[in-house]
Amino acid sequence: MNNKEALIRQFNDAFESRNIDAIVSMVTDNISWTVVGDRTVKGKSEFKAFLNEMNSNKMKFDIFSIITHGNEASCDGEIHIEGKPKYAFCDVYKLSGFKNPLITSFRSYIIKIE
């Protein structure tokens, strides 16, 4: 597993465990997150505030694939949220650096499947 793939795996693991401090530590100060069809948040403080607003129900991620190339990565899978329908997701990331990369932006495509 390369550094970029490890970052994406750790990022999604932190989402699954609702570890907001860990999530925020893996992004740049000028992070931009677009949830397609919903909203875009920009900057670490707005990003952290959005994370705190999100549903706090227990989540389980089934990751199907993580693909990295250059300064980009993608991850897809399913999200199971306690008491909610199942969702399919695909996140497309832009990364900074190669040795110790951080996430500079990402787009999330989320579809209810159950």
PDB file of N, CA and C in Angstrom:
ATOM      1  N   MET A   1       0.855  -1.177   0.000  1.00  0.00           N
ATOM      2  CA  MET A   1       0.000   0.000   0.000  1.00  0.00           C
ATOM      3  C   MET A   1       0.902   1.241   0.000  1.00  0.00           C
ATOM      4  N   ASN A   2       0.677   2.168  -0.936  1.00  0.00           N
ATOM      5  CA  ASN A   2       1.490   3.384  -0.981  1.00  0.00           C
ATOM      6  C   ASN A   2       0.948   4.431   0.009  1.00  0.00           C
ATOM      7  N   ASN A   3       1.700   5.526   0.200  1.00  0.00           N
ATOM      8  CA  ASN A   3       1.330   6.574   1.164  1.00  0.00           C
ATOM      9  C   ASN A   3      -0.025   7.176   0.870  1.00  0.00           C
ATOM     10  N   LYS A   4      -0.340   7.373  -0.405  1.00  0.00           N
ATOM     11  CA  LYS A   4      -1.616   7.988  -0.774  1.00  0.00           C
ATOM     12  C   LYS A   4      -2.782   7.042  -0.477  1.00  0.00           C
ATOM     13  N   GLU A   5      -2.605   5.785  -0.807  1.00  0.00           N
ATOM     14  CA  GLU A   5      -3.654   4.800  -0.527  1.00  0.00           C
ATOM     15  C   GLU A   5      -3.855   4.661   0.988  1.00  0.00           C
ATOM     16  N   ALA A   6      -2.770   4.663   1.747  1.00  0.00           N
ATOM     17  CA  ALA A   6      -2.858   4.570   3.207  1.00  0.00           C
ATOM     18  C   ALA A   6      -3.610   5.778   3.779  1.00  0.00           C
ATOM     19  N   LEU A   7      -3.337   6.974   3.240  1.00  0.00           N
ATOM     20  CA  LEU A   7      -4.036   8.181   3.688  1.00  0.00           C
ATOM     21  C   LEU A   7      -5.537   8.043   3.467  1.00  0.00           C
ATOM     22  N   ILE A   8      -5.944   7.614   2.290  1.00  0.00           N
ATOM     23  CA  ILE A   8      -7.371   7.493   1.972  1.00  0.00           C
ATOM     24  C   ILE A   8      -8.020   6.436   2.866  1.00  0.00           C
ATOM     25  N   ARG A   9      -7.337   5.332   3.102  1.00  0.00           N
ATOM     26  CA  ARG A   9      -7.858   4.281   4.003  1.00  0.00           C
ATOM     27  C   ARG A   9      -8.030   4.845   5.412  1.00  0.00           C
ATOM     28  N   GLN A  10      -7.006   5.533   5.935  1.00  0.00           N
ATOM     29  CA  GLN A  10      -7.067   6.100   7.281  1.00  0.00           C
ATOM     30  C   GLN A  10      -8.158   7.170   7.386  1.00  0.00           C
ATOM     31  N   PHE A  11      -8.306   7.968   6.329  1.00  0.00           N
ATOM     32  CA  PHE A  11      -9.321   9.020   6.302  1.00  0.00           C
ATOM     33  C   PHE A  11     -10.715   8.403   6.432  1.00  0.00           C
ATOM     34  N   ASN A  12     -10.979   7.352   5.659  1.00  0.00           N
ATOM     35  CA  ASN A  12     -12.289   6.708   5.714  1.00  0.00           C
ATOM     36  C   ASN A  12     -12.489   5.962   7.028  1.00  0.00           C
ATOM     37  N   ASP A  13     -11.435   5.374   7.574  1.00  0.00           N
ATOM     38  CA  ASP A  13     -11.535   4.741   8.892  1.00  0.00           C
ATOM     39  C   ASP A  13     -11.896   5.774   9.961  1.00  0.00           C
ATOM     40  N   ALA A  14     -11.313   6.972   9.871  1.00  0.00           N
ATOM     41  CA  ALA A  14     -11.612   8.037  10.830  1.00  0.00           C
ATOM     42  C   ALA A  14     -13.067   8.503  10.682  1.00  0.00           C
ATOM     43  N   PHE A  15     -13.575   8.565   9.436  1.00  0.00           N
ATOM     44  CA  PHE A  15     -14.986   8.892   9.223  1.00  0.00           C
ATOM     45  C   PHE A  15     -15.871   7.843   9.877  1.00  0.00           C
ATOM     46  N   GLU A  16     -15.529   6.591   9.660  1.00  0.00           N
ATOM     47  CA  GLU A  16     -16.327   5.493  10.203  1.00  0.00           C
ATOM     48  C   GLU A  16     -16.384   5.553  11.732  1.00  0.00           C
ATOM     49  N   SER A  17     -15.281   5.886  12.371  1.00  0.00           N
ATOM     50  CA  SER A  17     -15.236   5.937  13.830  1.00  0.00           C
ATOM     51  C   SER A  17     -15.619   7.312  14.383  1.00  0.00           C
ATOM     52  N   ARG A  18     -15.959   8.256  13.495  1.00  0.00           N
ATOM     53  CA  ARG A  18     -16.355   9.620  13.879  1.00  0.00           C
ATOM     54  C   ARG A  18     -15.245  10.339  14.637  1.00  0.00           C
ATOM     55  N   ASN A  19     -13.981  10.094  14.259  1.00  0.00           N
ATOM     56  CA  ASN A  19     -12.832  10.727  14.892  1.00  0.00           C
ATOM     57  C   ASN A  19     -12.536  12.036  14.148  1.00  0.00           C
ATOM     58  N   ILE A  20     -13.231  13.075  14.532  1.00  0.00           N
ATOM     59  CA  ILE A  20     -13.162  14.357  13.813  1.00  0.00           C
ATOM     60  C   ILE A  20     -11.756  14.943  13.857  1.00  0.00           C
ATOM     61  N   ASP A  21     -11.076  14.846  14.990  1.00  0.00           N
ATOM     62  CA  ASP A  21      -9.712  15.387  15.071  1.00  0.00           C
ATOM     63  C   ASP A  21      -8.785  14.684  14.080  1.00  0.00           C
ATOM     64  N   ALA A  22      -8.918  13.362  13.957  1.00  0.00           N
ATOM     65  CA  ALA A  22      -8.093  12.619  12.994  1.00  0.00           C
ATOM     66  C   ALA A  22      -8.440  13.029  11.564  1.00  0.00           C
ATOM     67  N   ILE A  23      -9.729  13.178  11.265  1.00  0.00           N
ATOM     68  CA  ILE A  23     -10.154  13.590   9.922  1.00  0.00           C
ATOM     69  C   ILE A  23      -9.522  14.929   9.569  1.00  0.00           C
ATOM     70  N   VAL A  24      -9.655  15.891  10.473  1.00  0.00           N
ATOM     71  CA  VAL A  24      -9.150  17.248  10.225  1.00  0.00           C
ATOM     72  C   VAL A  24      -7.631  17.261  10.092  1.00  0.00           C
ATOM     73  N   SER A  25      -6.946  16.351  10.764  1.00  0.00           N
ATOM     74  CA  SER A  25      -5.472  16.318  10.685  1.00  0.00           C
ATOM     75  C   SER A  25      -4.975  15.839   9.321  1.00  0.00           C
ATOM     76  N   MET A  26      -5.859  15.251   8.508  1.00  0.00           N
ATOM     77  CA  MET A  26      -5.457  14.694   7.215  1.00  0.00           C
ATOM     78  C   MET A  26      -5.768  15.614   6.037  1.00  0.00           C
ATOM     79  N   VAL A  27      -6.209  16.850   6.335  1.00  0.00           N
ATOM     80  CA  VAL A  27      -6.547  17.792   5.261  1.00  0.00           C
ATOM     81  C   VAL A  27      -5.709  19.059   5.399  1.00  0.00           C
ATOM     82  N   THR A  28      -5.590  19.787   4.294  1.00  0.00           N
ATOM     83  CA  THR A  28      -4.871  21.064   4.309  1.00  0.00           C
ATOM     84  C   THR A  28      -5.775  22.161   4.886  1.00  0.00           C
ATOM     85  N   ASP A  29      -5.169  23.289   5.230  1.00  0.00           N
ATOM     86  CA  ASP A  29      -5.939  24.414   5.791  1.00  0.00           C
ATOM     87  C   ASP A  29      -6.998  24.930   4.832  1.00  0.00           C
ATOM     88  N   ASN A  30      -6.723  24.832   3.515  1.00  0.00           N
ATOM     89  CA  ASN A  30      -7.662  25.349   2.516  1.00  0.00           C
ATOM     90  C   ASN A  30      -8.523  24.230   1.906  1.00  0.00           C
ATOM     91  N   ILE A  31      -8.832  23.202   2.694  1.00  0.00           N
ATOM     92  CA  ILE A  31      -9.638  22.075   2.218  1.00  0.00           C
ATOM     93  C   ILE A  31     -10.947  22.555   1.584  1.00  0.00           C
ATOM     94  N   SER A  32     -11.347  21.869   0.545  1.00  0.00           N
ATOM     95  CA  SER A  32     -12.643  22.115  -0.088  1.00  0.00           C
ATOM     96  C   SER A  32     -13.323  20.758  -0.247  1.00  0.00           C
ATOM     97  N   TRP A  33     -14.541  20.636   0.294  1.00  0.00           N
ATOM     98  CA  TRP A  33     -15.300  19.393   0.201  1.00  0.00           C
ATOM     99  C   TRP A  33     -16.653  19.694  -0.420  1.00  0.00           C
ATOM    100  N   THR A  34     -16.894  19.084  -1.569  1.00  0.00           N
ATOM    101  CA  THR A  34     -18.181  19.214  -2.246  1.00  0.00           C
ATOM    102  C   THR A  34     -18.933  17.907  -2.109  1.00  0.00           C
ATOM    103  N   VAL A  35     -20.110  17.982  -1.496  1.00  0.00           N
ATOM    104  CA  VAL A  35     -21.038  16.859  -1.486  1.00  0.00           C
ATOM    105  C   VAL A  35     -21.982  17.176  -2.644  1.00  0.00           C
ATOM    106  N   VAL A  36     -21.806  16.474  -3.746  1.00  0.00           N
ATOM    107  CA  VAL A  36     -22.492  16.795  -4.992  1.00  0.00           C
ATOM    108  C   VAL A  36     -24.005  16.783  -4.768  1.00  0.00           C
ATOM    109  N   GLY A  37     -24.639  17.878  -5.185  1.00  0.00           N
ATOM    110  CA  GLY A  37     -26.080  18.024  -5.035  1.00  0.00           C
ATOM    111  C   GLY A  37     -26.498  18.575  -3.686  1.00  0.00           C
ATOM    112  N   ASP A  38     -25.526  18.836  -2.793  1.00  0.00           N
ATOM    113  CA  ASP A  38     -25.868  19.322  -1.459  1.00  0.00           C
ATOM    114  C   ASP A  38     -25.163  20.627  -1.137  1.00  0.00           C
ATOM    115  N   ARG A  39     -23.840  20.580  -0.942  1.00  0.00           N
ATOM    116  CA  ARG A  39     -23.107  21.796  -0.562  1.00  0.00           C
ATOM    117  C   ARG A  39     -21.611  21.624  -0.746  1.00  0.00           C
ATOM    118  N   THR A  40     -20.919  22.760  -0.670  1.00  0.00           N
ATOM    119  CA  THR A  40     -19.457  22.787  -0.656  1.00  0.00           C
ATOM    120  C   THR A  40     -19.028  23.537   0.591  1.00  0.00           C
ATOM    121  N   VAL A  41     -18.084  22.960   1.316  1.00  0.00           N
ATOM    122  CA  VAL A  41     -17.505  23.643   2.474  1.00  0.00           C
ATOM    123  C   VAL A  41     -16.045  23.916   2.160  1.00  0.00           C
ATOM    124  N   LYS A  42     -15.557  25.072   2.631  1.00  0.00           N
ATOM    125  CA  LYS A  42     -14.185  25.479   2.333  1.00  0.00           C
ATOM    126  C   LYS A  42     -13.482  25.936   3.594  1.00  0.00           C
ATOM    127  N   GLY A  43     -12.247  25.505   3.739  1.00  0.00           N
ATOM    128  CA  GLY A  43     -11.430  25.881   4.892  1.00  0.00           C
ATOM    129  C   GLY A  43     -11.645  24.916   6.054  1.00  0.00           C
ATOM    130  N   LYS A  44     -10.594  24.775   6.871  1.00  0.00           N
ATOM    131  CA  LYS A  44     -10.630  23.807   7.966  1.00  0.00           C
ATOM    132  C   LYS A  44     -11.739  24.078   8.977  1.00  0.00           C
ATOM    133  N   SER A  45     -11.985  25.342   9.323  1.00  0.00           N
ATOM    134  CA  SER A  45     -12.998  25.615  10.352  1.00  0.00           C
ATOM    135  C   SER A  45     -14.399  25.273   9.851  1.00  0.00           C
ATOM    136  N   GLU A  46     -14.719  25.635   8.606  1.00  0.00           N
ATOM    137  CA  GLU A  46     -16.027  25.294   8.035  1.00  0.00           C
ATOM    138  C   GLU A  46     -16.147  23.774   7.861  1.00  0.00           C
ATOM    139  N   PHE A  47     -15.056  23.139   7.451  1.00  0.00           N
ATOM    140  CA  PHE A  47     -15.026  21.686   7.280  1.00  0.00           C
ATOM    141  C   PHE A  47     -15.320  20.995   8.611  1.00  0.00           C
ATOM    142  N   LYS A  48     -14.633  21.423   9.675  1.00  0.00           N
ATOM    143  CA  LYS A  48     -14.828  20.810  10.991  1.00  0.00           C
ATOM    144  C   LYS A  48     -16.252  21.053  11.492  1.00  0.00           C
ATOM    145  N   ALA A  49     -16.790  22.250  11.272  1.00  0.00           N
ATOM    146  CA  ALA A  49     -18.160  22.547  11.693  1.00  0.00           C
ATOM    147  C   ALA A  49     -19.152  21.629  10.972  1.00  0.00           C
ATOM    148  N   PHE A  50     -18.931  21.398   9.672  1.00  0.00           N
ATOM    149  CA  PHE A  50     -19.810  20.509   8.907  1.00  0.00           C
ATOM    150  C   PHE A  50     -19.719  19.079   9.437  1.00  0.00           C
ATOM    151  N   LEU A  51     -18.521  18.627   9.757  1.00  0.00           N
ATOM    152  CA  LEU A  51     -18.352  17.287  10.323  1.00  0.00           C
ATOM    153  C   LEU A  51     -19.135  17.157  11.628  1.00  0.00           C
ATOM    154  N   ASN A  52     -19.111  18.197  12.450  1.00  0.00           N
ATOM    155  CA  ASN A  52     -19.832  18.169  13.718  1.00  0.00           C
ATOM    156  C   ASN A  52     -21.351  18.167  13.530  1.00  0.00           C
ATOM    157  N   GLU A  53     -21.834  18.728  12.412  1.00  0.00           N
ATOM    158  CA  GLU A  53     -23.274  18.751  12.106  1.00  0.00           C
ATOM    159  C   GLU A  53     -23.782  17.404  11.603  1.00  0.00           C
ATOM    160  N   MET A  54     -22.878  16.610  11.055  1.00  0.00           N
ATOM    161  CA  MET A  54     -23.283  15.369  10.401  1.00  0.00           C
ATOM    162  C   MET A  54     -23.908  14.394  11.384  1.00  0.00           C
ATOM    163  N   ASN A  55     -24.694  13.504  10.831  1.00  0.00           N
ATOM    164  CA  ASN A  55     -25.373  12.467  11.591  1.00  0.00           C
ATOM    165  C   ASN A  55     -24.374  11.730  12.483  1.00  0.00           C
ATOM    166  N   SER A  56     -24.731  11.578  13.746  1.00  0.00           N
ATOM    167  CA  SER A  56     -23.815  10.913  14.673  1.00  0.00           C
ATOM    168  C   SER A  56     -24.138   9.433  14.862  1.00  0.00           C
ATOM    169  N   ASN A  57     -25.084   8.912  14.075  1.00  0.00           N
ATOM    170  CA  ASN A  57     -25.382   7.480  14.175  1.00  0.00           C
ATOM    171  C   ASN A  57     -24.155   6.666  13.781  1.00  0.00           C
ATOM    172  N   LYS A  58     -24.077   5.460  14.316  1.00  0.00           N
ATOM    173  CA  LYS A  58     -22.952   4.569  14.023  1.00  0.00           C
ATOM    174  C   LYS A  58     -22.904   4.257  12.523  1.00  0.00           C
ATOM    175  N   MET A  59     -21.718   4.382  11.928  1.00  0.00           N
ATOM    176  CA  MET A  59     -21.521   4.121  10.504  1.00  0.00           C
ATOM    177  C   MET A  59     -20.572   2.957  10.309  1.00  0.00           C
ATOM    178  N   LYS A  60     -20.782   2.237   9.234  1.00  0.00           N
ATOM    179  CA  LYS A  60     -19.865   1.171   8.805  1.00  0.00           C
ATOM    180  C   LYS A  60     -19.593   1.396   7.334  1.00  0.00           C
ATOM    181  N   PHE A  61     -18.325   1.454   6.952  1.00  0.00           N
ATOM    182  CA  PHE A  61     -17.932   1.631   5.558  1.00  0.00           C
ATOM    183  C   PHE A  61     -17.448   0.298   5.007  1.00  0.00           C
ATOM    184  N   ASP A  62     -17.946  -0.075   3.848  1.00  0.00           N
ATOM    185  CA  ASP A  62     -17.384  -1.181   3.085  1.00  0.00           C
ATOM    186  C   ASP A  62     -16.688  -0.550   1.885  1.00  0.00           C
ATOM    187  N   ILE A  63     -15.375  -0.551   1.894  1.00  0.00           N
ATOM    188  CA  ILE A  63     -14.610   0.059   0.806  1.00  0.00           C
ATOM    189  C   ILE A  63     -14.336  -1.008  -0.243  1.00  0.00           C
ATOM    190  N   PHE A  64     -14.735  -0.712  -1.484  1.00  0.00           N
ATOM    191  CA  PHE A  64     -14.536  -1.648  -2.587  1.00  0.00           C
ATOM    192  C   PHE A  64     -13.189  -1.426  -3.267  1.00  0.00           C
ATOM    193  N   SER A  65     -12.815  -0.150  -3.457  1.00  0.00           N
ATOM    194  CA  SER A  65     -11.540   0.119  -4.122  1.00  0.00           C
ATOM    195  C   SER A  65     -11.012   1.493  -3.733  1.00  0.00           C
ATOM    196  N   ILE A  66      -9.691   1.591  -3.760  1.00  0.00           N
ATOM    197  CA  ILE A  66      -8.984   2.861  -3.629  1.00  0.00           C
ATOM    198  C   ILE A  66      -8.001   2.888  -4.790  1.00  0.00           C
ATOM    199  N   ILE A  67      -8.095   3.943  -5.580  1.00  0.00           N
ATOM    200  CA  ILE A  67      -7.222   4.095  -6.749  1.00  0.00           C
ATOM    201  C   ILE A  67      -6.454   5.400  -6.594  1.00  0.00           C
ATOM    202  N   THR A  68      -5.140   5.353  -6.792  1.00  0.00           N
ATOM    203  CA  THR A  68      -4.328   6.571  -6.728  1.00  0.00           C
ATOM    204  C   THR A  68      -3.511   6.702  -8.002  1.00  0.00           C
ATOM    205  N   HIS A  69      -3.300   7.940  -8.396  1.00  0.00           N
ATOM    206  CA  HIS A  69      -2.452   8.229  -9.557  1.00  0.00           C
ATOM    207  C   HIS A  69      -2.016   9.684  -9.449  1.00  0.00           C
ATOM    208  N   GLY A  70      -0.716   9.913  -9.405  1.00  0.00           N
ATOM    209  CA  GLY A  70      -0.215  11.280  -9.289  1.00  0.00           C
ATOM    210  C   GLY A  70      -0.730  11.913  -8.010  1.00  0.00           C
ATOM    211  N   ASN A  71      -1.320  13.099  -8.133  1.00  0.00           N
ATOM    212  CA  ASN A  71      -1.845  13.786  -6.948  1.00  0.00           C
ATOM    213  C   ASN A  71      -3.361  13.607  -6.808  1.00  0.00           C
ATOM    214  N   GLU A  72      -3.888  12.533  -7.378  1.00  0.00           N
ATOM    215  CA  GLU A  72      -5.317  12.267  -7.291  1.00  0.00           C
ATOM    216  C   GLU A  72      -5.570  10.873  -6.749  1.00  0.00           C
ATOM    217  N   ALA A  73      -6.751  10.694  -6.165  1.00  0.00           N
ATOM    218  CA  ALA A  73      -7.155   9.390  -5.647  1.00  0.00           C
ATOM    219  C   ALA A  73      -8.676   9.310  -5.701  1.00  0.00           C
ATOM    220  N   SER A  74      -9.174   8.092  -5.660  1.00  0.00           N
ATOM    221  CA  SER A  74     -10.613   7.891  -5.545  1.00  0.00           C
ATOM    222  C   SER A  74     -10.862   6.679  -4.656  1.00  0.00           C
ATOM    223  N   CYS A  75     -12.036   6.661  -4.076  1.00  0.00           N
ATOM    224  CA  CYS A  75     -12.432   5.579  -3.189  1.00  0.00           C
ATOM    225  C   CYS A  75     -13.928   5.370  -3.389  1.00  0.00           C
ATOM    226  N   ASP A  76     -14.354   4.110  -3.479  1.00  0.00           N
ATOM    227  CA  ASP A  76     -15.788   3.853  -3.583  1.00  0.00           C
ATOM    228  C   ASP A  76     -16.170   2.693  -2.685  1.00  0.00           C
ATOM    229  N   GLY A  77     -17.452   2.669  -2.354  1.00  0.00           N
ATOM    230  CA  GLY A  77     -17.947   1.607  -1.497  1.00  0.00           C
ATOM    231  C   GLY A  77     -19.367   1.871  -1.063  1.00  0.00           C
ATOM    232  N   GLU A  78     -19.715   1.307   0.083  1.00  0.00           N
ATOM    233  CA  GLU A  78     -21.046   1.480   0.647  1.00  0.00           C
ATOM    234  C   GLU A  78     -20.933   1.982   2.084  1.00  0.00           C
ATOM    235  N   ILE A  79     -21.932   2.762   2.480  1.00  0.00           N
ATOM    236  CA  ILE A  79     -22.025   3.275   3.841  1.00  0.00           C
ATOM    237  C   ILE A  79     -23.288   2.688   4.457  1.00  0.00           C
ATOM    238  N   HIS A  80     -23.123   2.099   5.605  1.00  0.00           N
ATOM    239  CA  HIS A  80     -24.254   1.565   6.362  1.00  0.00           C
ATOM    240  C   HIS A  80     -24.367   2.419   7.625  1.00  0.00           C
ATOM    241  N   ILE A  81     -25.487   3.124   7.774  1.00  0.00           N
ATOM    242  CA  ILE A  81     -25.707   3.993   8.924  1.00  0.00           C
ATOM    243  C   ILE A  81     -26.835   3.392   9.750  1.00  0.00           C
ATOM    244  N   GLU A  82     -26.561   3.194  11.028  1.00  0.00           N
ATOM    245  CA  GLU A  82     -27.538   2.597  11.922  1.00  0.00           C
ATOM    246  C   GLU A  82     -28.877   3.332  11.830  1.00  0.00           C
ATOM    247  N   GLY A  83     -29.938   2.578  11.518  1.00  0.00           N
ATOM    248  CA  GLY A  83     -31.277   3.151  11.450  1.00  0.00           C
ATOM    249  C   GLY A  83     -31.580   3.918  10.175  1.00  0.00           C
ATOM    250  N   LYS A  84     -30.706   3.853   9.185  1.00  0.00           N
ATOM    251  CA  LYS A  84     -30.882   4.587   7.923  1.00  0.00           C
ATOM    252  C   LYS A  84     -30.763   3.626   6.749  1.00  0.00           C
ATOM    253  N   PRO A  85     -31.154   4.094   5.546  1.00  0.00           N
ATOM    254  CA  PRO A  85     -30.936   3.263   4.343  1.00  0.00           C
ATOM    255  C   PRO A  85     -29.445   3.093   4.066  1.00  0.00           C
ATOM    256  N   LYS A  86     -29.119   2.169   3.178  1.00  0.00           N
ATOM    257  CA  LYS A  86     -27.736   1.954   2.744  1.00  0.00           C
ATOM    258  C   LYS A  86     -27.446   2.930   1.595  1.00  0.00           C
ATOM    259  N   TYR A  87     -26.205   3.415   1.537  1.00  0.00           N
ATOM    260  CA  TYR A  87     -25.785   4.348   0.502  1.00  0.00           C
ATOM    261  C   TYR A  87     -24.546   3.824  -0.209  1.00  0.00           C
ATOM    262  N   ALA A  88     -24.464   4.087  -1.508  1.00  0.00           N
ATOM    263  CA  ALA A  88     -23.237   3.874  -2.268  1.00  0.00           C
ATOM    264  C   ALA A  88     -22.531   5.227  -2.336  1.00  0.00           C
ATOM    265  N   PHE A  89     -21.194   5.195  -2.329  1.00  0.00           N
ATOM    266  CA  PHE A  89     -20.460   6.453  -2.407  1.00  0.00           C
ATOM    267  C   PHE A  89     -19.239   6.305  -3.295  1.00  0.00           C
ATOM    268  N   CYS A  90     -18.806   7.438  -3.821  1.00  0.00           N
ATOM    269  CA  CYS A  90     -17.533   7.545  -4.508  1.00  0.00           C
ATOM    270  C   CYS A  90     -16.961   8.910  -4.160  1.00  0.00           C
ATOM    271  N   ASP A  91     -15.747   8.933  -3.651  1.00  0.00           N
ATOM    272  CA  ASP A  91     -15.048  10.174  -3.329  1.00  0.00           C
ATOM    273  C   ASP A  91     -13.872  10.315  -4.281  1.00  0.00           C
ATOM    274  N   VAL A  92     -13.690  11.521  -4.806  1.00  0.00           N
ATOM    275  CA  VAL A  92     -12.573  11.830  -5.703  1.00  0.00           C
ATOM    276  C   VAL A  92     -11.735  12.905  -5.008  1.00  0.00           C
ATOM    277  N   TYR A  93     -10.468  12.607  -4.785  1.00  0.00           N
ATOM    278  CA  TYR A  93      -9.580  13.444  -3.981  1.00  0.00           C
ATOM    279  C   TYR A  93      -8.479  14.097  -4.805  1.00  0.00           C
ATOM    280  N   LYS A  94      -8.081  15.284  -4.382  1.00  0.00           N
ATOM    281  CA  LYS A  94      -6.841  15.939  -4.820  1.00  0.00           C
ATOM    282  C   LYS A  94      -5.927  15.948  -3.598  1.00  0.00           C
ATOM    283  N   LEU A  95      -4.664  15.596  -3.802  1.00  0.00           N
ATOM    284  CA  LEU A  95      -3.716  15.467  -2.703  1.00  0.00           C
ATOM    285  C   LEU A  95      -2.532  16.404  -2.876  1.00  0.00           C
ATOM    286  N   SER A  96      -1.930  16.753  -1.742  1.00  0.00           N
ATOM    287  CA  SER A  96      -0.693  17.543  -1.774  1.00  0.00           C
ATOM    288  C   SER A  96       0.459  16.622  -1.429  1.00  0.00           C
ATOM    289  N   GLY A  97       1.553  16.761  -2.116  1.00  0.00           N
ATOM    290  CA  GLY A  97       2.754  16.004  -1.793  1.00  0.00           C
ATOM    291  C   GLY A  97       2.649  14.517  -2.057  1.00  0.00           C
ATOM    292  N   PHE A  98       3.780  13.844  -1.935  1.00  0.00           N
ATOM    293  CA  PHE A  98       3.824  12.409  -2.184  1.00  0.00           C
ATOM    294  C   PHE A  98       4.283  11.637  -0.950  1.00  0.00           C
ATOM    295  N   LYS A  99       5.290  12.156  -0.257  1.00  0.00           N
ATOM    296  CA  LYS A  99       5.842  11.430   0.885  1.00  0.00           C
ATOM    297  C   LYS A  99       4.863  11.424   2.066  1.00  0.00           C
ATOM    298  N   ASN A 100       4.339  12.578   2.420  1.00  0.00           N
ATOM    299  CA  ASN A 100       3.360  12.721   3.506  1.00  0.00           C
ATOM    300  C   ASN A 100       2.164  13.516   2.985  1.00  0.00           C
ATOM    301  N   PRO A 101       1.369  12.926   2.103  1.00  0.00           N
ATOM    302  CA  PRO A 101       0.292  13.677   1.467  1.00  0.00           C
ATOM    303  C   PRO A 101      -0.817  14.067   2.436  1.00  0.00           C
ATOM    304  N   LEU A 102      -1.488  15.166   2.087  1.00  0.00           N
ATOM    305  CA  LEU A 102      -2.708  15.606   2.760  1.00  0.00           C
ATOM    306  C   LEU A 102      -3.775  15.796   1.693  1.00  0.00           C
ATOM    307  N   ILE A 103      -5.018  15.819   2.097  1.00  0.00           N
ATOM    308  CA  ILE A 103      -6.130  16.021   1.169  1.00  0.00           C
ATOM    309  C   ILE A 103      -6.372  17.518   1.025  1.00  0.00           C
ATOM    310  N   THR A 104      -6.319  18.022  -0.217  1.00  0.00           N
ATOM    311  CA  THR A 104      -6.568  19.447  -0.464  1.00  0.00           C
ATOM    312  C   THR A 104      -8.022  19.697  -0.859  1.00  0.00           C
ATOM    313  N   SER A 105      -8.645  18.710  -1.520  1.00  0.00           N
ATOM    314  CA  SER A 105     -10.062  18.832  -1.869  1.00  0.00           C
ATOM    315  C   SER A 105     -10.609  17.452  -2.192  1.00  0.00           C
ATOM    316  N   PHE A 106     -11.928  17.335  -2.079  1.00  0.00           N
ATOM    317  CA  PHE A 106     -12.569  16.111  -2.537  1.00  0.00           C
ATOM    318  C   PHE A 106     -14.039  16.359  -2.829  1.00  0.00           C
ATOM    319  N   ARG A 107     -14.550  15.532  -3.732  1.00  0.00           N
ATOM    320  CA  ARG A 107     -15.965  15.541  -4.114  1.00  0.00           C
ATOM    321  C   ARG A 107     -16.557  14.204  -3.709  1.00  0.00           C
ATOM    322  N   SER A 108     -17.724  14.242  -3.100  1.00  0.00           N
ATOM    323  CA  SER A 108     -18.414  13.023  -2.676  1.00  0.00           C
ATOM    324  C   SER A 108     -19.696  12.869  -3.471  1.00  0.00           C
ATOM    325  N   TYR A 109     -19.844  11.720  -4.103  1.00  0.00           N
ATOM    326  CA  TYR A 109     -21.065  11.346  -4.802  1.00  0.00           C
ATOM    327  C   TYR A 109     -21.726  10.272  -3.942  1.00  0.00           C
ATOM    328  N   ILE A 110     -22.944  10.533  -3.487  1.00  0.00           N
ATOM    329  CA  ILE A 110     -23.615   9.629  -2.555  1.00  0.00           C
ATOM    330  C   ILE A 110     -25.013   9.336  -3.102  1.00  0.00           C
ATOM    331  N   ILE A 111     -25.353   8.033  -3.173  1.00  0.00           N
ATOM    332  CA  ILE A 111     -26.651   7.606  -3.709  1.00  0.00           C
ATOM    333  C   ILE A 111     -27.297   6.620  -2.739  1.00  0.00           C
ATOM    334  N   LYS A 112     -28.545   6.841  -2.403  1.00  0.00           N
ATOM    335  CA  LYS A 112     -29.286   5.891  -1.575  1.00  0.00           C
ATOM    336  C   LYS A 112     -29.565   4.653  -2.425  1.00  0.00           C
ATOM    337  N   ILE A 113     -29.225   3.465  -1.891  1.00  0.00           N
ATOM    338  CA  ILE A 113     -29.434   2.244  -2.670  1.00  0.00           C
ATOM    339  C   ILE A 113     -30.403   1.262  -2.010  1.00  0.00           C
ATOM    340  N   GLU A 114     -30.828   1.547  -0.794  1.00  0.00           N
ATOM    341  CA  GLU A 114     -31.788   0.674  -0.116  1.00  0.00           C
ATOM    342  C   GLU A 114     -32.762   1.483   0.670  1.00  0.00           C
TER     343      GLU A 114
END
